[in-house]
């Protein structure tokens, strides 16, 4: 499966945070998150393993009881059902992969 760059298809995940599913398979799903400075992803947990990579910017991540100031080039892994959240210290872009596939993140049209 391939997906060409397209500036459409973003949805608001939380105030100031846009998300777009880029590509998915049977077991993984990759999502781009665009975070505006000052935006907050409230603490939450889910039954998905989540690995991430910060492409640009600066975010403050909390995973369980640990906090981390992530900057471009940093990465992380969030285990299943561990509470986590984030705050954008400056505008940022992150790529995250979820396993298993999050059905609610699948686009209404298939990615070809």
C-alpha atoms as a PDB file:
ATOM      1  CA  UNK A   1       0.000   0.000   0.000  1.00  0.00           C
ATOM      2  CA  UNK A   2       1.254   3.477  -0.889  1.00  0.00           C
ATOM      3  CA  UNK A   3       0.006   6.896   0.127  1.00  0.00           C
ATOM      4  CA  UNK A   4       1.052  10.100  -1.631  1.00  0.00           C
ATOM      5  CA  UNK A   5       1.330  13.374   0.255  1.00  0.00           C
ATOM      6  CA  UNK A   6      -2.005  15.178   0.461  1.00  0.00           C
ATOM      7  CA  UNK A   7      -2.864  18.216   2.585  1.00  0.00           C
ATOM      8  CA  UNK A   8      -6.485  17.140   3.012  1.00  0.00           C
ATOM      9  CA  UNK A   9      -8.017  14.576   5.352  1.00  0.00           C
ATOM     10  CA  UNK A  10      -7.052  16.073   8.724  1.00  0.00           C
ATOM     11  CA  UNK A  11      -9.510  16.021  11.612  1.00  0.00           C
ATOM     12  CA  UNK A  12      -9.363  17.703  15.002  1.00  0.00           C
ATOM     13  CA  UNK A  13      -8.308  15.223  17.691  1.00  0.00           C
ATOM     14  CA  UNK A  14      -8.389  17.888  20.435  1.00  0.00           C
ATOM     15  CA  UNK A  15      -8.328  21.693  20.364  1.00  0.00           C
ATOM     16  CA  UNK A  16      -5.179  22.691  18.446  1.00  0.00           C
ATOM     17  CA  UNK A  17      -4.310  19.101  17.496  1.00  0.00           C
ATOM     18  CA  UNK A  18      -4.957  17.748  14.006  1.00  0.00           C
ATOM     19  CA  UNK A  19      -4.579  14.107  13.044  1.00  0.00           C
ATOM     20  CA  UNK A  20      -4.510  12.233   9.777  1.00  0.00           C
ATOM     21  CA  UNK A  21      -4.170   8.508   9.138  1.00  0.00           C
ATOM     22  CA  UNK A  22      -1.449   8.114   6.526  1.00  0.00           C
ATOM     23  CA  UNK A  23      -1.387   4.375   5.873  1.00  0.00           C
ATOM     24  CA  UNK A  24      -2.544   1.164   7.518  1.00  0.00           C
ATOM     25  CA  UNK A  25      -2.295  -2.589   7.190  1.00  0.00           C
ATOM     26  CA  UNK A  26      -3.686  -5.617   8.954  1.00  0.00           C
ATOM     27  CA  UNK A  27      -1.730  -5.035  12.191  1.00  0.00           C
ATOM     28  CA  UNK A  28      -0.488  -1.422  12.230  1.00  0.00           C
ATOM     29  CA  UNK A  29      -1.742   2.070  11.472  1.00  0.00           C
ATOM     30  CA  UNK A  30       0.402   5.226  11.019  1.00  0.00           C
ATOM     31  CA  UNK A  31      -0.941   8.630  11.988  1.00  0.00           C
ATOM     32  CA  UNK A  32       0.442  12.156  11.607  1.00  0.00           C
ATOM     33  CA  UNK A  33      -0.345  14.585  14.424  1.00  0.00           C
ATOM     34  CA  UNK A  34       0.078  18.349  13.971  1.00  0.00           C
ATOM     35  CA  UNK A  35       0.127  20.129  17.331  1.00  0.00           C
ATOM     36  CA  UNK A  36      -0.212  23.890  17.735  1.00  0.00           C
ATOM     37  CA  UNK A  37       1.880  25.550  20.432  1.00  0.00           C
ATOM     38  CA  UNK A  38       0.070  25.374  23.771  1.00  0.00           C
ATOM     39  CA  UNK A  39      -2.309  22.579  22.763  1.00  0.00           C
ATOM     40  CA  UNK A  40      -2.873  19.768  25.237  1.00  0.00           C
ATOM     41  CA  UNK A  41      -3.649  16.107  24.661  1.00  0.00           C
ATOM     42  CA  UNK A  42      -5.419  15.160  27.909  1.00  0.00           C
ATOM     43  CA  UNK A  43      -4.287  12.083  29.842  1.00  0.00           C
ATOM     44  CA  UNK A  44      -5.845   8.899  28.465  1.00  0.00           C
ATOM     45  CA  UNK A  45      -5.135   5.187  27.981  1.00  0.00           C
ATOM     46  CA  UNK A  46      -6.166   2.677  25.329  1.00  0.00           C
ATOM     47  CA  UNK A  47      -5.670  -0.986  24.360  1.00  0.00           C
ATOM     48  CA  UNK A  48      -3.115  -0.151  21.643  1.00  0.00           C
ATOM     49  CA  UNK A  49       0.670  -0.101  21.701  1.00  0.00           C
ATOM     50  CA  UNK A  50       1.804   3.279  20.375  1.00  0.00           C
ATOM     51  CA  UNK A  51       5.249   4.204  19.085  1.00  0.00           C
ATOM     52  CA  UNK A  52       6.074   7.739  18.065  1.00  0.00           C
ATOM     53  CA  UNK A  53       8.708   9.935  16.455  1.00  0.00           C
ATOM     54  CA  UNK A  54       8.821  13.726  16.650  1.00  0.00           C
ATOM     55  CA  UNK A  55       9.518  15.161  13.203  1.00  0.00           C
ATOM     56  CA  UNK A  56       9.497  18.826  14.213  1.00  0.00           C
ATOM     57  CA  UNK A  57       8.987  21.026  17.242  1.00  0.00           C
ATOM     58  CA  UNK A  58       8.959  20.392  20.981  1.00  0.00           C
ATOM     59  CA  UNK A  59       6.392  18.555  23.099  1.00  0.00           C
ATOM     60  CA  UNK A  60       6.256  17.548  26.747  1.00  0.00           C
ATOM     61  CA  UNK A  61       5.169  13.910  26.983  1.00  0.00           C
ATOM     62  CA  UNK A  62       3.959  12.043  30.030  1.00  0.00           C
ATOM     63  CA  UNK A  63       3.856   8.237  29.913  1.00  0.00           C
ATOM     64  CA  UNK A  64       2.734   6.696  33.177  1.00  0.00           C
ATOM     65  CA  UNK A  65       4.689   8.522  35.885  1.00  0.00           C
ATOM     66  CA  UNK A  66       7.531   9.603  33.546  1.00  0.00           C
ATOM     67  CA  UNK A  67       7.797  12.987  31.825  1.00  0.00           C
ATOM     68  CA  UNK A  68       9.988  13.717  28.817  1.00  0.00           C
ATOM     69  CA  UNK A  69      10.729  16.873  26.833  1.00  0.00           C
ATOM     70  CA  UNK A  70      10.694  15.512  23.275  1.00  0.00           C
ATOM     71  CA  UNK A  71      12.367  17.459  20.489  1.00  0.00           C
ATOM     72  CA  UNK A  72      12.707  16.749  16.774  1.00  0.00           C
ATOM     73  CA  UNK A  73      14.411  13.376  16.325  1.00  0.00           C
ATOM     74  CA  UNK A  74      13.230  11.905  19.648  1.00  0.00           C
ATOM     75  CA  UNK A  75      11.020   8.808  19.820  1.00  0.00           C
ATOM     76  CA  UNK A  76       8.930   6.891  22.376  1.00  0.00           C
ATOM     77  CA  UNK A  77       6.885   3.767  22.956  1.00  0.00           C
ATOM     78  CA  UNK A  78       3.687   3.693  25.001  1.00  0.00           C
ATOM     79  CA  UNK A  79       2.626   0.260  26.251  1.00  0.00           C
ATOM     80  CA  UNK A  80      -0.966  -0.940  26.067  1.00  0.00           C
ATOM     81  CA  UNK A  81      -3.318   0.622  28.669  1.00  0.00           C
ATOM     82  CA  UNK A  82      -0.701   3.003  30.147  1.00  0.00           C
ATOM     83  CA  UNK A  83      -2.019   6.510  30.794  1.00  0.00           C
ATOM     84  CA  UNK A  84      -0.272   9.185  28.716  1.00  0.00           C
ATOM     85  CA  UNK A  85      -0.729  12.755  27.531  1.00  0.00           C
ATOM     86  CA  UNK A  86       1.165  15.597  25.903  1.00  0.00           C
ATOM     87  CA  UNK A  87       1.504  19.359  25.706  1.00  0.00           C
ATOM     88  CA  UNK A  88       2.938  21.211  22.726  1.00  0.00           C
ATOM     89  CA  UNK A  89       5.675  23.532  23.987  1.00  0.00           C
ATOM     90  CA  UNK A  90       6.001  24.837  20.411  1.00  0.00           C
ATOM     91  CA  UNK A  91       4.365  23.912  17.106  1.00  0.00           C
ATOM     92  CA  UNK A  92       5.147  20.257  16.461  1.00  0.00           C
ATOM     93  CA  UNK A  93       4.590  17.351  14.075  1.00  0.00           C
ATOM     94  CA  UNK A  94       4.673  13.723  15.231  1.00  0.00           C
ATOM     95  CA  UNK A  95       4.281  10.377  13.491  1.00  0.00           C
ATOM     96  CA  UNK A  96       2.779   7.580  15.554  1.00  0.00           C
ATOM     97  CA  UNK A  97       2.163   3.920  14.816  1.00  0.00           C
ATOM     98  CA  UNK A  98      -0.591   1.992  16.594  1.00  0.00           C
ATOM     99  CA  UNK A  99      -0.947  -1.763  16.946  1.00  0.00           C
ATOM    100  CA  UNK A 100      -3.414  -3.309  16.595  1.00  0.00           C
ATOM    101  CA  UNK A 101      -5.157  -1.071  14.060  1.00  0.00           C
ATOM    102  CA  UNK A 102      -7.440   1.545  15.612  1.00  0.00           C
ATOM    103  CA  UNK A 103     -10.672   1.078  13.711  1.00  0.00           C
ATOM    104  CA  UNK A 104     -11.883   4.581  14.651  1.00  0.00           C
ATOM    105  CA  UNK A 105      -8.801   6.044  12.908  1.00  0.00           C
ATOM    106  CA  UNK A 106      -9.477   4.346   9.580  1.00  0.00           C
ATOM    107  CA  UNK A 107     -10.351   6.889   6.883  1.00  0.00           C
ATOM    108  CA  UNK A 108     -13.865   6.763   5.453  1.00  0.00           C
ATOM    109  CA  UNK A 109     -12.253   6.161   2.060  1.00  0.00           C
ATOM    110  CA  UNK A 110      -9.495   3.605   1.746  1.00  0.00           C
ATOM    111  CA  UNK A 111      -5.924   4.796   1.367  1.00  0.00           C
ATOM    112  CA  UNK A 112      -4.647   3.500  -1.950  1.00  0.00           C
END
